[in-house]
Amino acid sequence: MNAGEQCAAWEGPRAGAELLAGQNIVYLGPEPWDGMWRNRHQLMSRFARTNQVLYVEPPVRMRALRRGLGDGRVRWSDVWRQAGRPLVVRKAENVTVYRPPMYIPIAGRGRLRDLMRSAWLARLRGILRELHFIDPIVWFSRPNMAPYLGHLGEKLAIYHVVDEYSGYLGVKDQDRARILEAESVLLSRVDLVVAVSKPLFDSKRRANPNCYLVPNGVDSESYANARARAQRGALPADLADVCTPIVGYSGLMNARLDYTLLYRCAREHPEWTFAFMGRVDERSCGDQVRRLSALPNVRFLGEKTIQDLPLYVAACAACLMPYRDNLETQNISPLKLYDYLAAGRPVVSTNIPAVDGFEAIVRIARTDDEFVAHLEGAVAERERGLDAQRQRIARDNDWNARIADLSRIIGSHLCRKSPASDTHL
């Protein structure tokens, strides 16, 4: 298929059927690649089936380096030792990770910041040349990445918005203003914006009309397989000795959650086991987590691998989305919603925009009393037809469908920028 036919395919009635292929994709990540899998891992690992992906870990900040050196967590020997380690690591077929050296940190402000940023960008451009990443599609993931725009030879710039970053709890007013200013610059200059939730889409498209709503998704097959295993009696080892039924939550434990509500649920139902799978952000909720974990029917099981997590979710009689109501949670698209549905599990959620339209299969609580009552109903549920309905909806929201949507969007914009571009099937 030549370039003209490809462009017609992106725009025509078959739009979405073709997958992006033969591209170099650079994803500027907000965190190291290793750790809890998020939407960026799901998307990039799938795009890597037909494209080359370079995931760029964030630069170390001078302030963080000084803090680490000051309290003994980081030693100068660690900095120099890293200099002898490979900066480029192959994580999977067509997925490469670049770990910026600690000896090129980004300073906080002024001319030193500009100098170090230039050095960091120069080193990254050198890595791109070594890997033959010519004319890449560059994926921006945070507002503070605006200064990198236009410096990597990108033929297409994408800003993928997964949170309202200015709404994070604990962000100071002056920092919030800087976040909004940086995001305004990024929004106005990228070729397209991808938002994971309707509220984010509604707010960001005001600054860039090329804004698209592409929610998070799920690996529905993995969860369906785990569901079948759970029905045959398979259980994770650290849940094998607990009292059933199990009420579960998967994901990051941070200030987004309503711990007072969780404590009430666990106190009122000591005959259930409450299992929490995920990393705990001690900075934001340490005391509340310790209070909750002191209850005898509460288990904190730690972070689980992407391979193991589905069986934990499938082992639950009901699953929780106990979010507080604030600017941050009003804009999220929780991965766990689709995970829970893909396992066929009843879901109980507080009233956040992410569950709008899911009223038929998600029990949505507008008060604490409603949440407890819905949870009791979910645990007692015996209607197996609802399990199949949830799984059907999850299949409609599979990550492969999201890749098809994004391929159509990206391919269309590539053709608009350069109709003769070499965009392959």
Protein backbone atom coordinates (compact mmCIF):
# COMPACT_ATOMS: atom_id res chain seq x y z
CA MET A 1 0.00 0.00 0.00
CA ASN A 2 1.49 3.36 -0.99
CA ALA A 3 1.35 6.50 1.12
CA GLY A 4 -1.74 7.89 -0.61
CA GLU A 5 -3.69 4.67 -0.16
CA GLN A 6 -2.60 4.51 3.46
CA CYS A 7 -3.87 8.03 4.15
CA ALA A 8 -7.20 7.21 2.54
CA ALA A 9 -7.43 4.14 4.74
CA TRP A 10 -6.87 6.17 7.89
CA GLU A 11 -9.59 8.65 6.93
CA GLY A 12 -12.03 6.34 5.15
CA PRO A 13 -14.76 3.94 6.24
CA ARG A 14 -12.21 1.32 7.31
CA ALA A 15 -10.59 3.78 9.70
CA GLY A 16 -9.34 2.02 12.79
CA ALA A 17 -8.79 -1.33 11.05
CA GLU A 18 -5.14 -0.57 10.20
CA LEU A 19 -2.52 -0.57 12.92
CA LEU A 20 0.34 1.87 13.12
CA ALA A 21 3.53 0.18 11.96
CA GLY A 22 7.11 0.91 11.02
CA GLN A 23 7.43 3.95 13.27
CA ASN A 24 9.97 5.01 15.87
CA ILE A 25 8.13 5.97 19.06
CA VAL A 26 9.85 7.85 21.89
CA TYR A 27 7.87 7.88 25.14
CA LEU A 28 9.08 10.42 27.70
CA GLY A 29 8.08 8.67 30.90
CA PRO A 30 7.21 10.26 34.24
CA GLU A 31 8.70 7.35 36.22
CA PRO A 32 11.13 4.47 35.67
CA TRP A 33 9.85 1.65 33.50
CA ASP A 34 10.17 -0.98 36.22
CA GLY A 35 7.36 -1.12 38.77
CA MET A 36 3.58 -1.16 38.68
CA TRP A 37 2.23 -1.43 35.14
CA ARG A 38 0.16 1.54 34.03
CA ASN A 39 -1.44 2.54 30.77
CA ARG A 40 1.91 3.57 29.29
CA HIS A 41 3.25 0.03 29.72
CA GLN A 42 0.15 -1.50 28.20
CA LEU A 43 0.17 0.83 25.21
CA MET A 44 3.89 0.84 24.47
CA SER A 45 4.27 -2.93 24.78
CA ARG A 46 1.50 -3.34 22.21
CA PHE A 47 2.75 -0.65 19.85
CA ALA A 48 6.11 -2.46 19.99
CA ARG A 49 4.58 -5.39 18.12
CA THR A 50 4.80 -3.36 14.92
CA ASN A 51 7.00 -0.37 15.86
CA GLN A 52 10.24 0.43 17.66
CA VAL A 53 9.68 1.96 21.12
CA LEU A 54 12.19 3.85 23.24
CA TYR A 55 10.99 4.57 26.77
CA VAL A 56 12.94 7.47 28.29
CA GLU A 57 13.05 7.46 32.08
CA PRO A 58 12.89 10.90 33.72
CA PRO A 59 16.07 12.78 34.56
CA VAL A 60 17.18 12.92 38.17
CA ARG A 61 16.49 16.28 39.76
CA MET A 62 19.35 18.15 41.44
CA ARG A 63 17.17 18.73 44.51
CA ALA A 64 16.38 15.03 44.84
CA LEU A 65 20.03 14.12 44.33
CA ARG A 66 21.15 16.57 47.02
CA ARG A 67 18.47 15.26 49.37
CA GLY A 68 19.53 11.69 48.71
CA LEU A 69 23.18 12.48 49.25
CA GLY A 70 22.33 14.39 52.41
CA ASP A 71 20.41 11.63 54.18
CA GLY A 72 22.67 8.80 53.02
CA ARG A 73 20.21 7.16 50.64
CA VAL A 74 22.47 8.05 47.70
CA ARG A 75 26.27 8.15 47.77
CA TRP A 76 28.61 9.77 45.30
CA SER A 77 29.96 6.31 44.65
CA ASP A 78 26.46 5.36 43.43
CA VAL A 79 26.60 8.19 40.92
CA TRP A 80 29.95 7.14 39.51
CA ARG A 81 29.05 3.45 39.61
CA GLN A 82 26.04 4.16 37.45
CA ALA A 83 28.37 5.77 34.94
CA GLY A 84 29.78 2.31 34.24
CA ARG A 85 26.41 0.69 33.71
CA PRO A 86 24.57 0.54 30.39
CA LEU A 87 22.24 3.46 29.89
CA VAL A 88 20.23 1.62 27.27
CA VAL A 89 18.52 -1.64 28.23
CA ARG A 90 16.34 -3.92 26.11
CA LYS A 91 13.20 -4.79 28.09
CA ALA A 92 11.28 -6.72 25.47
CA GLU A 93 11.24 -7.19 21.74
CA ASN A 94 11.24 -3.70 20.20
CA VAL A 95 11.04 -2.05 23.68
CA THR A 96 14.21 -0.27 24.78
CA VAL A 97 14.61 1.77 27.97
CA TYR A 98 17.02 4.69 28.31
CA ARG A 99 18.09 5.50 31.85
CA PRO A 100 19.54 9.03 31.93
CA PRO A 101 22.81 9.23 33.84
CA MET A 102 22.69 10.61 37.37
CA TYR A 103 25.67 12.83 36.56
CA ILE A 104 23.44 14.98 34.31
CA PRO A 105 20.76 16.11 36.79
CA ILE A 106 18.26 18.85 36.08
CA ALA A 107 18.62 21.88 38.32
CA GLY A 108 15.71 23.83 39.70
CA ARG A 109 15.93 27.21 38.00
CA GLY A 110 17.89 29.79 36.08
CA ARG A 111 20.88 29.44 33.80
CA LEU A 112 22.15 26.29 35.48
CA ARG A 113 18.82 24.60 34.79
CA ASP A 114 18.99 25.62 31.12
CA LEU A 115 22.57 24.39 30.84
CA MET A 116 21.83 21.01 32.43
CA ARG A 117 18.65 20.60 30.41
CA SER A 118 20.63 21.23 27.22
CA ALA A 119 23.20 18.64 28.28
CA TRP A 120 20.42 16.14 29.06
CA LEU A 121 18.77 16.70 25.69
CA ALA A 122 22.09 16.43 23.88
CA ARG A 123 22.76 13.06 25.51
CA LEU A 124 19.27 11.84 24.57
CA ARG A 125 19.72 12.97 20.97
CA GLY A 126 22.95 10.99 20.91
CA ILE A 127 21.06 7.90 22.09
CA LEU A 128 18.46 8.42 19.36
CA ARG A 129 21.21 8.56 16.72
CA GLU A 130 22.84 5.41 18.09
CA LEU A 131 19.50 3.58 17.92
CA HIS A 132 18.68 5.01 14.47
CA PHE A 133 15.50 6.63 15.76
CA ILE A 134 14.98 9.00 12.86
CA ASP A 135 11.91 11.27 12.69
CA PRO A 136 10.30 9.75 15.81
CA ILE A 137 6.81 10.17 17.14
CA VAL A 138 7.41 11.68 20.58
CA TRP A 139 4.96 10.99 23.37
CA PHE A 140 4.86 13.54 26.23
CA SER A 141 3.39 12.42 29.54
CA ARG A 142 3.70 15.41 31.91
CA PRO A 143 3.31 19.21 31.69
CA ASN A 144 6.91 19.81 32.86
CA MET A 145 8.14 18.22 29.63
CA ALA A 146 7.14 21.28 27.59
CA PRO A 147 10.79 22.48 27.28
CA TYR A 148 11.73 19.25 25.44
CA LEU A 149 9.19 19.88 22.68
CA GLY A 150 10.84 20.47 19.31
CA HIS A 151 14.30 19.30 20.40
CA LEU A 152 14.15 15.61 19.43
CA GLY A 153 13.50 15.84 15.70
CA GLU A 154 9.94 14.63 16.16
CA LYS A 155 7.63 14.46 13.19
CA LEU A 156 4.61 14.21 15.49
CA ALA A 157 4.19 15.30 19.10
CA ILE A 158 1.54 13.74 21.34
CA TYR A 159 0.53 14.80 24.84
CA HIS A 160 -1.18 11.95 26.70
CA VAL A 161 -3.12 13.28 29.69
CA VAL A 162 -4.01 10.70 32.34
CA ASP A 163 -4.57 12.99 35.35
CA GLU A 164 -5.39 16.55 36.27
CA TYR A 165 -1.87 17.19 37.53
CA SER A 166 -2.71 20.57 39.02
CA GLY A 167 -5.30 18.81 41.19
CA TYR A 168 -2.90 16.51 43.01
CA LEU A 169 -3.32 16.74 46.76
CA GLY A 170 -0.43 18.48 48.46
CA VAL A 171 0.47 20.66 45.46
CA LYS A 172 1.20 24.20 46.64
CA ASP A 173 -0.53 27.14 45.01
CA GLN A 174 2.66 28.44 43.36
CA ASP A 175 3.46 24.97 42.04
CA ARG A 176 -0.10 24.58 40.76
CA ALA A 177 0.28 27.81 38.79
CA ARG A 178 3.55 26.57 37.27
CA ILE A 179 1.94 23.25 36.29
CA LEU A 180 -0.96 25.02 34.58
CA GLU A 181 1.39 27.41 32.77
CA ALA A 182 3.64 24.59 31.52
CA GLU A 183 0.64 22.53 30.44
CA SER A 184 -0.81 25.48 28.57
CA VAL A 185 2.42 25.74 26.54
CA LEU A 186 2.48 22.00 25.84
CA LEU A 187 -1.19 21.86 24.87
CA SER A 188 -0.83 24.73 22.43
CA ARG A 189 2.21 23.29 20.66
CA VAL A 190 1.68 19.53 20.34
CA ASP A 191 0.07 18.04 17.26
CA LEU A 192 -2.55 16.14 19.20
CA VAL A 193 -3.76 15.47 22.73
CA VAL A 194 -5.07 12.17 24.06
CA ALA A 195 -7.21 12.34 27.22
CA VAL A 196 -8.25 9.27 29.20
CA SER A 197 -11.44 10.70 30.74
CA LYS A 198 -14.36 12.83 29.61
CA PRO A 199 -13.61 15.64 32.10
CA LEU A 200 -9.99 15.81 30.92
CA PHE A 201 -11.13 15.77 27.30
CA ASP A 202 -13.61 18.60 27.91
CA SER A 203 -11.00 20.78 29.61
CA LYS A 204 -7.97 20.14 27.36
CA ARG A 205 -9.71 20.49 24.01
CA ARG A 206 -10.29 24.17 24.79
CA ALA A 207 -6.56 24.69 24.32
CA ASN A 208 -6.08 22.24 21.44
CA PRO A 209 -8.90 21.22 19.09
CA ASN A 210 -6.98 18.09 18.09
CA CYS A 211 -7.96 16.41 21.34
CA TYR A 212 -9.24 12.83 21.51
CA LEU A 213 -10.94 10.81 24.21
CA VAL A 214 -9.30 7.37 24.53
CA PRO A 215 -10.05 5.82 27.94
CA ASN A 216 -7.87 3.26 29.63
CA GLY A 217 -8.43 -0.40 28.83
CA VAL A 218 -7.78 -3.94 29.99
CA ASP A 219 -6.08 -7.16 28.96
CA SER A 220 -9.42 -8.94 29.00
CA GLU A 221 -8.02 -12.35 28.07
CA SER A 222 -5.69 -12.47 31.09
CA TYR A 223 -8.53 -11.69 33.48
CA ALA A 224 -10.92 -14.15 31.81
CA ASN A 225 -8.28 -16.88 32.17
CA ALA A 226 -7.78 -15.96 35.82
CA ARG A 227 -11.53 -16.10 36.39
CA ALA A 228 -11.61 -19.65 35.00
CA ARG A 229 -8.70 -20.64 37.25
CA ALA A 230 -10.40 -19.16 40.32
CA GLN A 231 -13.58 -21.08 39.52
CA ARG A 232 -11.49 -24.26 39.55
CA GLY A 233 -10.27 -23.39 43.05
CA ALA A 234 -6.94 -21.70 42.31
CA LEU A 235 -5.94 -19.05 44.86
CA PRO A 236 -2.79 -16.97 45.36
CA ALA A 237 -0.71 -18.40 48.19
CA ASP A 238 -1.10 -15.32 50.42
CA LEU A 239 -4.91 -15.56 50.20
CA ALA A 240 -5.19 -19.31 50.67
CA ASP A 241 -5.61 -19.14 54.47
CA VAL A 242 -7.93 -16.15 54.81
CA CYS A 243 -11.60 -16.13 55.68
CA THR A 244 -13.95 -15.78 52.74
CA PRO A 245 -15.59 -13.90 51.18
CA ILE A 246 -12.73 -11.64 50.08
CA VAL A 247 -13.32 -7.97 49.31
CA GLY A 248 -10.49 -6.58 47.22
CA TYR A 249 -8.82 -3.42 46.02
CA SER A 250 -5.96 -3.30 43.50
CA GLY A 251 -3.77 -0.33 42.73
CA LEU A 252 -1.82 2.44 44.36
CA MET A 253 -2.78 3.26 47.93
CA ASN A 254 -2.54 7.02 48.27
CA ALA A 255 -4.50 10.09 49.34
CA ARG A 256 -7.12 9.51 46.62
CA LEU A 257 -8.83 6.88 48.75
CA ASP A 258 -11.39 7.33 51.52
CA TYR A 259 -9.76 5.46 54.40
CA THR A 260 -12.46 6.40 56.88
CA LEU A 261 -14.97 4.64 54.65
CA LEU A 262 -12.73 1.60 54.25
CA TYR A 263 -12.22 1.40 58.01
CA ARG A 264 -15.97 1.49 58.56
CA CYS A 265 -16.57 -1.30 56.02
CA ALA A 266 -13.94 -3.54 57.59
CA ARG A 267 -15.16 -2.85 61.13
CA GLU A 268 -18.79 -3.56 60.28
CA HIS A 269 -17.95 -6.86 58.55
CA PRO A 270 -15.27 -8.69 60.52
CA GLU A 271 -16.38 -11.94 58.85
CA TRP A 272 -15.00 -10.74 55.50
CA THR A 273 -11.35 -10.42 54.51
CA PHE A 274 -10.35 -7.08 53.01
CA ALA A 275 -7.35 -7.58 50.70
CA PHE A 276 -5.34 -4.66 49.29
CA MET A 277 -2.99 -5.34 46.39
CA GLY A 278 -0.69 -2.47 45.53
CA ARG A 279 2.04 -0.12 46.63
CA VAL A 280 1.37 2.22 49.58
CA ASP A 281 2.43 5.86 49.26
CA GLU A 282 3.50 6.40 52.85
CA ARG A 283 3.93 10.14 52.31
CA SER A 284 0.25 10.77 51.79
CA CYS A 285 -1.63 8.17 53.81
CA GLY A 286 0.76 6.28 56.08
CA ASP A 287 -1.10 6.85 59.34
CA GLN A 288 -4.48 5.98 57.80
CA VAL A 289 -3.11 2.79 56.26
CA ARG A 290 -1.57 1.72 59.58
CA ARG A 291 -4.89 2.28 61.36
CA LEU A 292 -6.70 0.22 58.72
CA SER A 293 -4.11 -2.56 58.64
CA ALA A 294 -4.39 -3.00 62.43
CA LEU A 295 -7.82 -4.59 61.95
CA PRO A 296 -7.59 -8.40 62.08
CA ASN A 297 -9.56 -8.93 58.85
CA VAL A 298 -7.43 -6.58 56.73
CA ARG A 299 -4.49 -7.78 54.62
CA PHE A 300 -2.04 -5.55 52.79
CA LEU A 301 -0.40 -7.84 50.25
CA GLY A 302 1.93 -5.42 48.48
CA GLU A 303 2.45 -4.76 44.81
CA LYS A 304 1.73 -7.64 42.43
CA THR A 305 3.15 -8.30 38.98
CA ILE A 306 1.04 -7.77 35.92
CA GLN A 307 1.05 -11.55 35.46
CA ASP A 308 -0.13 -12.36 38.99
CA LEU A 309 -2.66 -9.59 39.62
CA PRO A 310 -5.57 -11.07 37.60
CA LEU A 311 -5.83 -14.12 39.88
CA TYR A 312 -5.99 -11.88 42.96
CA VAL A 313 -8.86 -9.89 41.44
CA ALA A 314 -10.65 -13.05 40.34
CA ALA A 315 -10.44 -14.41 43.91
CA CYS A 316 -12.56 -11.53 45.25
CA ALA A 317 -16.29 -11.69 45.86
CA ALA A 318 -16.49 -7.93 45.34
CA CYS A 319 -14.05 -5.18 44.33
CA LEU A 320 -13.70 -1.64 45.58
CA MET A 321 -13.27 1.82 44.08
CA PRO A 322 -13.42 3.91 47.28
CA TYR A 323 -12.30 7.28 45.91
CA ARG A 324 -12.66 10.59 47.66
CA ASP A 325 -14.37 13.39 45.76
CA ASN A 326 -11.83 16.01 44.67
CA LEU A 327 -10.37 17.58 41.53
CA GLU A 328 -7.95 14.71 41.06
CA THR A 329 -10.51 11.90 41.26
CA GLN A 330 -13.02 13.82 39.15
CA ASN A 331 -10.66 13.44 36.19
CA ILE A 332 -9.33 9.88 36.46
CA SER A 333 -9.93 6.79 34.32
CA PRO A 334 -9.14 3.96 36.78
CA LEU A 335 -7.47 0.94 35.24
CA LYS A 336 -8.96 -1.17 38.02
CA LEU A 337 -12.52 -0.59 36.79
CA TYR A 338 -11.89 -2.56 33.61
CA ASP A 339 -9.74 -5.11 35.48
CA TYR A 340 -12.58 -5.84 37.87
CA LEU A 341 -15.13 -6.11 35.06
CA ALA A 342 -12.88 -8.38 33.00
CA ALA A 343 -12.77 -10.80 35.95
CA GLY A 344 -16.57 -10.63 36.13
CA ARG A 345 -16.46 -9.23 39.66
CA PRO A 346 -19.12 -6.97 41.23
CA VAL A 347 -17.81 -3.43 41.62
CA VAL A 348 -18.73 -0.93 44.32
CA SER A 349 -17.64 2.66 43.70
CA THR A 350 -18.06 6.08 45.15
CA ASN A 351 -19.72 8.57 42.83
CA ILE A 352 -16.98 9.76 40.46
CA PRO A 353 -17.33 10.71 36.77
CA ALA A 354 -15.35 7.63 35.68
CA VAL A 355 -18.35 5.40 36.44
CA ASP A 356 -20.90 7.52 34.57
CA GLY A 357 -22.65 5.23 32.12
CA PHE A 358 -21.78 2.07 34.09
CA GLU A 359 -24.82 2.20 36.37
CA ALA A 360 -26.16 -1.11 35.05
CA ILE A 361 -23.10 -3.07 36.18
CA VAL A 362 -21.39 -0.91 38.85
CA ARG A 363 -22.96 -0.18 42.23
CA ILE A 364 -22.45 3.55 42.67
CA ALA A 365 -22.72 5.03 46.16
CA ARG A 366 -23.45 8.69 46.84
CA THR A 367 -23.13 8.37 50.63
CA ASP A 368 -21.12 6.23 53.03
CA ASP A 369 -24.28 4.40 54.08
CA GLU A 370 -25.03 3.59 50.45
CA PHE A 371 -21.50 2.31 49.95
CA VAL A 372 -21.80 -0.14 52.84
CA ALA A 373 -25.22 -1.29 51.64
CA HIS A 374 -23.98 -1.72 48.06
CA LEU A 375 -20.99 -3.70 49.28
CA GLU A 376 -23.25 -6.03 51.24
CA GLY A 377 -25.36 -6.53 48.13
CA ALA A 378 -22.30 -7.17 45.97
CA VAL A 379 -20.89 -9.81 48.32
CA ALA A 380 -24.29 -11.54 48.44
CA GLU A 381 -24.77 -11.42 44.66
CA ARG A 382 -25.62 -14.74 43.06
CA GLU A 383 -26.72 -13.60 39.59
CA ARG A 384 -24.09 -15.16 37.33
CA GLY A 385 -25.53 -13.50 34.25
CA LEU A 386 -24.08 -10.23 35.48
CA ASP A 387 -20.59 -11.77 35.46
CA ALA A 388 -20.88 -12.49 31.74
CA GLN A 389 -22.26 -9.00 31.07
CA ARG A 390 -19.31 -7.41 32.85
CA GLN A 391 -16.86 -9.49 30.88
CA ARG A 392 -18.52 -8.57 27.58
CA ILE A 393 -18.13 -4.89 28.41
CA ALA A 394 -14.50 -5.46 29.35
CA ARG A 395 -13.84 -7.15 26.00
CA ASP A 396 -15.23 -4.08 24.26
CA ASN A 397 -12.65 -2.03 26.19
CA ASP A 398 -9.63 -4.23 25.54
CA TRP A 399 -6.23 -2.59 25.09
CA ASN A 400 -6.08 -3.92 21.54
CA ALA A 401 -9.18 -1.84 20.73
CA ARG A 402 -7.45 1.20 22.23
CA ILE A 403 -4.40 0.53 20.02
CA ALA A 404 -6.66 0.46 16.97
CA ASP A 405 -8.22 3.80 17.98
CA LEU A 406 -4.84 5.42 18.60
CA SER A 407 -3.43 4.00 15.36
CA ARG A 408 -6.26 5.63 13.43
CA ILE A 409 -5.77 8.97 15.19
CA ILE A 410 -1.98 9.01 14.86
CA GLY A 411 -2.02 7.75 11.28
CA SER A 412 -4.48 10.42 10.27
CA HIS A 413 -2.31 13.18 11.74
CA LEU A 414 0.83 11.79 10.12
CA CYS A 415 -0.89 11.97 6.78
CA ARG A 416 -2.10 15.51 7.37
CA LYS A 417 1.42 16.67 8.20
CA SER A 418 3.08 14.83 5.34
CA PRO A 419 0.81 13.09 2.79
CA ALA A 420 3.80 11.34 1.27
CA SER A 421 5.07 10.07 4.62
CA ASP A 422 6.14 6.46 4.80
CA THR A 423 3.43 5.13 7.10
CA HIS A 424 3.28 1.37 6.66
CA LEU A 425 0.64 -1.20 7.44
